[in-house]
C-alpha atoms as a PDB file:
ATOM      1  CA  MET A   1      49.055  26.153 -42.402  1.00  0.00           C
ATOM      2  CA  ILE A   2      51.208  23.063 -43.023  1.00  0.00           C
ATOM      3  CA  GLN A   3      51.992  22.841 -39.308  1.00  0.00           C
ATOM      4  CA  GLN A   4      48.284  23.082 -38.441  1.00  0.00           C
ATOM      5  CA  LEU A   5      47.467  20.258 -40.873  1.00  0.00           C
ATOM      6  CA  LYS A   6      50.257  18.176 -39.346  1.00  0.00           C
ATOM      7  CA  ASN A   7      48.896  18.832 -35.836  1.00  0.00           C
ATOM      8  CA  TRP A   8      45.370  17.803 -36.889  1.00  0.00           C
ATOM      9  CA  ASP A   9      46.786  14.708 -38.566  1.00  0.00           C
ATOM     10  CA  GLU A  10      48.667  13.700 -35.408  1.00  0.00           C
ATOM     11  CA  GLU A  11      45.681  14.371 -33.139  1.00  0.00           C
ATOM     12  CA  LEU A  12      43.386  12.341 -35.388  1.00  0.00           C
ATOM     13  CA  PHE A  13      45.964   9.554 -35.478  1.00  0.00           C
ATOM     14  CA  ILE A  14      46.197   9.355 -31.673  1.00  0.00           C
ATOM     15  CA  TRP A  15      42.400   9.307 -31.396  1.00  0.00           C
ATOM     16  CA  LEU A  16      41.874   6.644 -34.088  1.00  0.00           C
ATOM     17  CA  ASN A  17      44.812   4.548 -32.892  1.00  0.00           C
ATOM     18  CA  SER A  18      43.376   4.471 -29.359  1.00  0.00           C
ATOM     19  CA  PHE A  19      40.487   2.248 -30.499  1.00  0.00           C
ATOM     20  CA  HIS A  20      41.974  -1.207 -30.250  1.00  0.00           C
ATOM     21  CA  ALA A  21      41.446  -4.501 -28.468  1.00  0.00           C
ATOM     22  CA  ASP A  22      44.102  -7.061 -27.598  1.00  0.00           C
ATOM     23  CA  TRP A  23      42.103  -9.898 -29.196  1.00  0.00           C
ATOM     24  CA  LEU A  24      41.798  -7.907 -32.435  1.00  0.00           C
ATOM     25  CA  ASP A  25      45.503  -7.043 -32.765  1.00  0.00           C
ATOM     26  CA  PRO A  26      46.676 -10.297 -34.415  1.00  0.00           C
ATOM     27  CA  ILE A  27      43.662 -10.271 -36.757  1.00  0.00           C
ATOM     28  CA  VAL A  28      44.315  -6.708 -37.906  1.00  0.00           C
ATOM     29  CA  PHE A  29      48.026  -7.451 -38.266  1.00  0.00           C
ATOM     30  CA  GLN A  30      47.241 -10.490 -40.421  1.00  0.00           C
ATOM     31  CA  LEU A  31      44.945  -8.406 -42.635  1.00  0.00           C
ATOM     32  CA  THR A  32      47.963  -6.376 -43.772  1.00  0.00           C
ATOM     33  CA  GLN A  33      49.919  -9.448 -44.863  1.00  0.00           C
ATOM     34  CA  THR A  34      49.890 -10.291 -48.581  1.00  0.00           C
ATOM     35  CA  ILE A  35      49.656 -14.039 -47.993  1.00  0.00           C
ATOM     36  CA  THR A  36      46.309 -13.560 -46.225  1.00  0.00           C
ATOM     37  CA  TRP A  37      44.756 -12.229 -49.415  1.00  0.00           C
ATOM     38  CA  ILE A  38      46.017 -14.878 -51.866  1.00  0.00           C
ATOM     39  CA  PRO A  39      42.674 -16.773 -51.881  1.00  0.00           C
ATOM     40  CA  PHE A  40      40.847 -13.457 -52.423  1.00  0.00           C
ATOM     41  CA  TYR A  41      43.155 -12.586 -55.336  1.00  0.00           C
ATOM     42  CA  ALA A  42      42.731 -16.060 -56.835  1.00  0.00           C
ATOM     43  CA  ILE A  43      38.925 -15.757 -56.712  1.00  0.00           C
ATOM     44  CA  LEU A  44      39.120 -12.255 -58.167  1.00  0.00           C
ATOM     45  CA  ILE A  45      41.313 -13.459 -61.051  1.00  0.00           C
ATOM     46  CA  TYR A  46      38.854 -16.311 -61.678  1.00  0.00           C
ATOM     47  CA  LEU A  47      35.928 -13.854 -61.769  1.00  0.00           C
ATOM     48  CA  ILE A  48      37.865 -11.571 -64.108  1.00  0.00           C
ATOM     49  CA  TYR A  49      38.589 -14.538 -66.368  1.00  0.00           C
ATOM     50  CA  ARG A  50      34.902 -15.504 -66.409  1.00  0.00           C
ATOM     51  CA  ALA A  51      33.840 -11.943 -67.137  1.00  0.00           C
ATOM     52  CA  ASP A  52      36.462 -11.086 -69.769  1.00  0.00           C
ATOM     53  CA  HIS A  53      38.556 -14.121 -70.707  1.00  0.00           C
ATOM     54  CA  LYS A  54      39.623 -12.574 -74.009  1.00  0.00           C
ATOM     55  CA  GLY A  55      40.896  -9.423 -72.333  1.00  0.00           C
ATOM     56  CA  ILE A  56      42.263 -10.932 -69.118  1.00  0.00           C
ATOM     57  CA  TRP A  57      45.862 -10.045 -70.012  1.00  0.00           C
ATOM     58  CA  TRP A  58      44.855  -6.413 -70.470  1.00  0.00           C
ATOM     59  CA  VAL A  59      43.192  -6.475 -67.061  1.00  0.00           C
ATOM     60  CA  LEU A  60      46.052  -8.238 -65.268  1.00  0.00           C
ATOM     61  CA  GLY A  61      48.648  -6.108 -67.042  1.00  0.00           C
ATOM     62  CA  GLY A  62      46.734  -2.976 -66.122  1.00  0.00           C
ATOM     63  CA  ALA A  63      46.478  -4.090 -62.499  1.00  0.00           C
ATOM     64  CA  ALA A  64      50.227  -4.734 -62.412  1.00  0.00           C
ATOM     65  CA  LEU A  65      50.951  -1.345 -64.006  1.00  0.00           C
ATOM     66  CA  THR A  66      48.657   0.377 -61.500  1.00  0.00           C
ATOM     67  CA  ILE A  67      50.534  -1.194 -58.592  1.00  0.00           C
ATOM     68  CA  LEU A  68      53.876  -0.357 -60.192  1.00  0.00           C
ATOM     69  CA  ILE A  69      52.934   3.304 -60.611  1.00  0.00           C
ATOM     70  CA  SER A  70      51.352   3.748 -57.178  1.00  0.00           C
ATOM     71  CA  ASP A  71      54.109   1.856 -55.370  1.00  0.00           C
ATOM     72  CA  GLN A  72      56.948   3.692 -57.120  1.00  0.00           C
ATOM     73  CA  VAL A  73      55.393   7.095 -56.484  1.00  0.00           C
ATOM     74  CA  THR A  74      54.817   6.349 -52.798  1.00  0.00           C
ATOM     75  CA  SER A  75      57.786   4.157 -51.816  1.00  0.00           C
ATOM     76  CA  GLY A  76      60.271   5.098 -54.501  1.00  0.00           C
ATOM     77  CA  PHE A  77      59.737   8.852 -54.515  1.00  0.00           C
ATOM     78  CA  MET A  78      57.606  10.303 -51.711  1.00  0.00           C
ATOM     79  CA  LYS A  79      58.843   8.410 -48.649  1.00  0.00           C
ATOM     80  CA  PRO A  80      62.532   9.157 -49.263  1.00  0.00           C
ATOM     81  CA  PHE A  81      61.777  12.714 -50.430  1.00  0.00           C
ATOM     82  CA  PHE A  82      59.613  13.835 -47.486  1.00  0.00           C
ATOM     83  CA  GLU A  83      61.298  11.669 -44.825  1.00  0.00           C
ATOM     84  CA  ARG A  84      58.336  11.850 -42.431  1.00  0.00           C
ATOM     85  CA  LEU A  85      58.795   9.337 -39.656  1.00  0.00           C
ATOM     86  CA  ARG A  86      56.201   6.666 -39.200  1.00  0.00           C
ATOM     87  CA  PRO A  87      54.319   7.153 -35.918  1.00  0.00           C
ATOM     88  CA  CYS A  88      55.834   3.942 -34.537  1.00  0.00           C
ATOM     89  CA  HIS A  89      59.339   5.359 -35.133  1.00  0.00           C
ATOM     90  CA  ASP A  90      58.530   8.734 -33.567  1.00  0.00           C
ATOM     91  CA  GLU A  91      59.670   8.852 -29.927  1.00  0.00           C
ATOM     92  CA  ARG A  92      56.984  11.450 -29.093  1.00  0.00           C
ATOM     93  CA  TRP A  93      54.320   8.731 -29.268  1.00  0.00           C
ATOM     94  CA  GLU A  94      56.088   6.129 -27.142  1.00  0.00           C
ATOM     95  CA  GLY A  95      53.700   5.043 -24.418  1.00  0.00           C
ATOM     96  CA  ILE A  96      50.831   6.973 -26.027  1.00  0.00           C
ATOM     97  CA  MET A  97      50.107   5.128 -29.256  1.00  0.00           C
ATOM     98  CA  HIS A  98      49.338   1.467 -29.798  1.00  0.00           C
ATOM     99  CA  ASN A  99      51.688  -0.529 -32.032  1.00  0.00           C
ATOM    100  CA  TYR A 100      51.450  -4.233 -32.735  1.00  0.00           C
ATOM    101  CA  GLY A 101      54.074  -6.194 -34.594  1.00  0.00           C
ATOM    102  CA  ARG A 102      56.596  -4.717 -36.927  1.00  0.00           C
ATOM    103  CA  CYS A 103      56.880  -1.042 -37.622  1.00  0.00           C
ATOM    104  CA  GLY A 104      58.100  -1.147 -41.210  1.00  0.00           C
ATOM    105  CA  GLY A 105      60.536   1.245 -42.844  1.00  0.00           C
ATOM    106  CA  LEU A 106      61.599   4.457 -41.191  1.00  0.00           C
ATOM    107  CA  PHE A 107      59.425   6.765 -43.288  1.00  0.00           C
ATOM    108  CA  GLY A 108      55.693   6.517 -43.898  1.00  0.00           C
ATOM    109  CA  PHE A 109      54.494   9.473 -45.977  1.00  0.00           C
ATOM    110  CA  VAL A 110      52.483   8.216 -47.905  1.00  0.00           C
ATOM    111  CA  SER A 111      50.932   4.774 -47.474  1.00  0.00           C
ATOM    112  CA  SER A 112      51.774   2.283 -50.210  1.00  0.00           C
ATOM    113  CA  HIS A 113      49.074  -0.078 -48.882  1.00  0.00           C
ATOM    114  CA  ALA A 114      46.462   2.656 -49.426  1.00  0.00           C
ATOM    115  CA  ALA A 115      47.847   3.606 -52.844  1.00  0.00           C
ATOM    116  CA  ASN A 116      48.005   0.030 -54.113  1.00  0.00           C
ATOM    117  CA  THR A 117      44.589  -1.081 -52.870  1.00  0.00           C
ATOM    118  CA  PHE A 118      42.729   2.049 -53.967  1.00  0.00           C
ATOM    119  CA  GLY A 119      44.575   1.920 -57.292  1.00  0.00           C
ATOM    120  CA  ILE A 120      43.455  -1.663 -57.920  1.00  0.00           C
ATOM    121  CA  ALA A 121      39.889  -0.859 -56.840  1.00  0.00           C
ATOM    122  CA  THR A 122      39.767   2.101 -59.222  1.00  0.00           C
ATOM    123  CA  PHE A 123      41.355   0.356 -62.213  1.00  0.00           C
ATOM    124  CA  LEU A 124      39.198  -2.784 -61.924  1.00  0.00           C
ATOM    125  CA  ASN A 125      36.015  -0.775 -61.468  1.00  0.00           C
ATOM    126  CA  LEU A 126      36.777   1.244 -64.600  1.00  0.00           C
ATOM    127  CA  LYS A 127      38.051  -1.634 -66.729  1.00  0.00           C
ATOM    128  CA  LEU A 128      35.345  -4.145 -65.789  1.00  0.00           C
ATOM    129  CA  LYS A 129      32.436  -1.774 -65.309  1.00  0.00           C
ATOM    130  CA  GLY A 130      29.213  -3.755 -65.463  1.00  0.00           C
ATOM    131  CA  LYS A 131      30.937  -7.108 -65.985  1.00  0.00           C
ATOM    132  CA  ILE A 132      31.395  -8.040 -62.321  1.00  0.00           C
ATOM    133  CA  PRO A 133      28.635  -6.549 -60.171  1.00  0.00           C
ATOM    134  CA  PHE A 134      30.310  -6.452 -56.759  1.00  0.00           C
ATOM    135  CA  LEU A 135      33.533  -4.664 -57.735  1.00  0.00           C
ATOM    136  CA  LYS A 136      32.495  -1.455 -55.965  1.00  0.00           C
ATOM    137  CA  TRP A 137      33.080  -3.440 -52.759  1.00  0.00           C
ATOM    138  CA  LEU A 138      36.792  -3.325 -53.541  1.00  0.00           C
ATOM    139  CA  TYR A 139      36.711   0.230 -52.192  1.00  0.00           C
ATOM    140  CA  LEU A 140      35.574  -1.147 -48.822  1.00  0.00           C
ATOM    141  CA  TRP A 141      38.436  -3.676 -48.968  1.00  0.00           C
ATOM    142  CA  ALA A 142      40.868  -0.837 -49.737  1.00  0.00           C
ATOM    143  CA  PHE A 143      39.479   1.233 -46.860  1.00  0.00           C
ATOM    144  CA  ILE A 144      39.795  -1.652 -44.385  1.00  0.00           C
ATOM    145  CA  ILE A 145      43.375  -2.414 -45.447  1.00  0.00           C
ATOM    146  CA  SER A 146      44.206   1.278 -45.190  1.00  0.00           C
ATOM    147  CA  TYR A 147      42.636   1.686 -41.766  1.00  0.00           C
ATOM    148  CA  THR A 148      44.667  -1.231 -40.404  1.00  0.00           C
ATOM    149  CA  ARG A 149      47.760   0.907 -40.976  1.00  0.00           C
ATOM    150  CA  ILE A 150      46.475   3.515 -38.508  1.00  0.00           C
ATOM    151  CA  TYR A 151      45.328   0.825 -36.083  1.00  0.00           C
ATOM    152  CA  LEU A 152      48.806  -0.750 -36.116  1.00  0.00           C
ATOM    153  CA  GLY A 153      50.501   2.604 -35.589  1.00  0.00           C
ATOM    154  CA  VAL A 154      52.460   2.672 -38.841  1.00  0.00           C
ATOM    155  CA  HIS A 155      50.689   5.526 -40.693  1.00  0.00           C
ATOM    156  CA  TYR A 156      49.005   8.823 -39.968  1.00  0.00           C
ATOM    157  CA  PRO A 157      45.528   9.464 -41.460  1.00  0.00           C
ATOM    158  CA  PHE A 158      46.880  11.930 -44.051  1.00  0.00           C
ATOM    159  CA  ASP A 159      49.357   9.236 -45.171  1.00  0.00           C
ATOM    160  CA  ILE A 160      46.333   7.058 -45.891  1.00  0.00           C
ATOM    161  CA  LEU A 161      44.269   9.801 -47.520  1.00  0.00           C
ATOM    162  CA  LEU A 162      47.038  10.937 -49.848  1.00  0.00           C
ATOM    163  CA  GLY A 163      48.001   7.323 -50.589  1.00  0.00           C
ATOM    164  CA  ALA A 164      44.401   6.647 -51.612  1.00  0.00           C
ATOM    165  CA  VAL A 165      44.394   9.717 -53.881  1.00  0.00           C
ATOM    166  CA  ILE A 166      47.654   8.612 -55.528  1.00  0.00           C
ATOM    167  CA  GLY A 167      46.242   5.108 -56.003  1.00  0.00           C
ATOM    168  CA  ILE A 168      43.052   6.433 -57.564  1.00  0.00           C
ATOM    169  CA  ILE A 169      45.085   8.616 -59.939  1.00  0.00           C
ATOM    170  CA  ALA A 170      47.324   5.633 -60.814  1.00  0.00           C
ATOM    171  CA  GLY A 171      44.230   3.521 -61.536  1.00  0.00           C
ATOM    172  CA  LEU A 172      42.758   6.257 -63.740  1.00  0.00           C
ATOM    173  CA  LEU A 173      46.023   6.794 -65.629  1.00  0.00           C
ATOM    174  CA  THR A 174      46.440   3.088 -66.238  1.00  0.00           C
ATOM    175  CA  TRP A 175      42.857   2.740 -67.431  1.00  0.00           C
ATOM    176  CA  PHE A 176      43.308   5.663 -69.859  1.00  0.00           C
ATOM    177  CA  LEU A 177      46.575   4.152 -71.086  1.00  0.00           C
ATOM    178  CA  ILE A 178      45.015   0.710 -71.621  1.00  0.00           C
ATOM    179  CA  VAL A 179      42.044   2.214 -73.485  1.00  0.00           C
ATOM    180  CA  PHE A 180      44.382   4.315 -75.665  1.00  0.00           C
ATOM    181  CA  VAL A 181      46.793   1.455 -76.433  1.00  0.00           C
ATOM    182  CA  LYS A 182      43.984  -0.993 -77.266  1.00  0.00           C
ATOM    183  CA  ARG A 183      42.333   1.592 -79.536  1.00  0.00           C
ATOM    184  CA  GLU A 184      45.621   2.309 -81.339  1.00  0.00           C
ATOM    185  CA  ILE A 185      46.365  -1.397 -81.764  1.00  0.00           C
ATOM    186  CA  LEU A 186      42.891  -1.980 -83.181  1.00  0.00           C
ATOM    187  CA  LYS A 187      43.311   0.974 -85.575  1.00  0.00           C
ATOM    188  CA  THR A 188      46.595  -0.497 -86.798  1.00  0.00           C
ATOM    189  CA  PHE A 189      45.109  -3.931 -87.435  1.00  0.00           C
ATOM    190  CA  LEU A 190      41.930  -2.607 -89.039  1.00  0.00           C
ATOM    191  CA  LYS A 191      43.764  -0.511 -91.669  1.00  0.00           C
END
């Protein structure tokens, strides 16, 4: 069963990776760079401040904790534990798959980009529910960032899917933790 899933994953990767255009390559590559998103993050922080200026440190701290959890689970534990080669490091795909730019570390199971972006989308949507109307669009942002990893040949689709699941769980855990800690702090001060 595991081998069949791996075969489907590889076949889907080759099919999805085949949809590329030379003019789009540098754009997609740039989308995966952190520096590209700094203006987006700055605007998001400003909107968070406007929506919840009293609780902004809870929101920013929760976002940081979400990234810490999702990144440590994916990069710190899963990649070295499973040691699944990234497609761009796998000689079987040489001449078959499309790769643009750097390949990244040797192992790619699971995607930290997917985990981090879906984690942030989940945490912010839970924490700021109803305060910033367009936050559901963060899931589209997370999907686009995640898909670029397949396009660039650095992750298989299951790497993305499982990374997204880990990110969503990290966002949920962080949200529960923040809610619990705030409630306990309030109980302490209200006694």
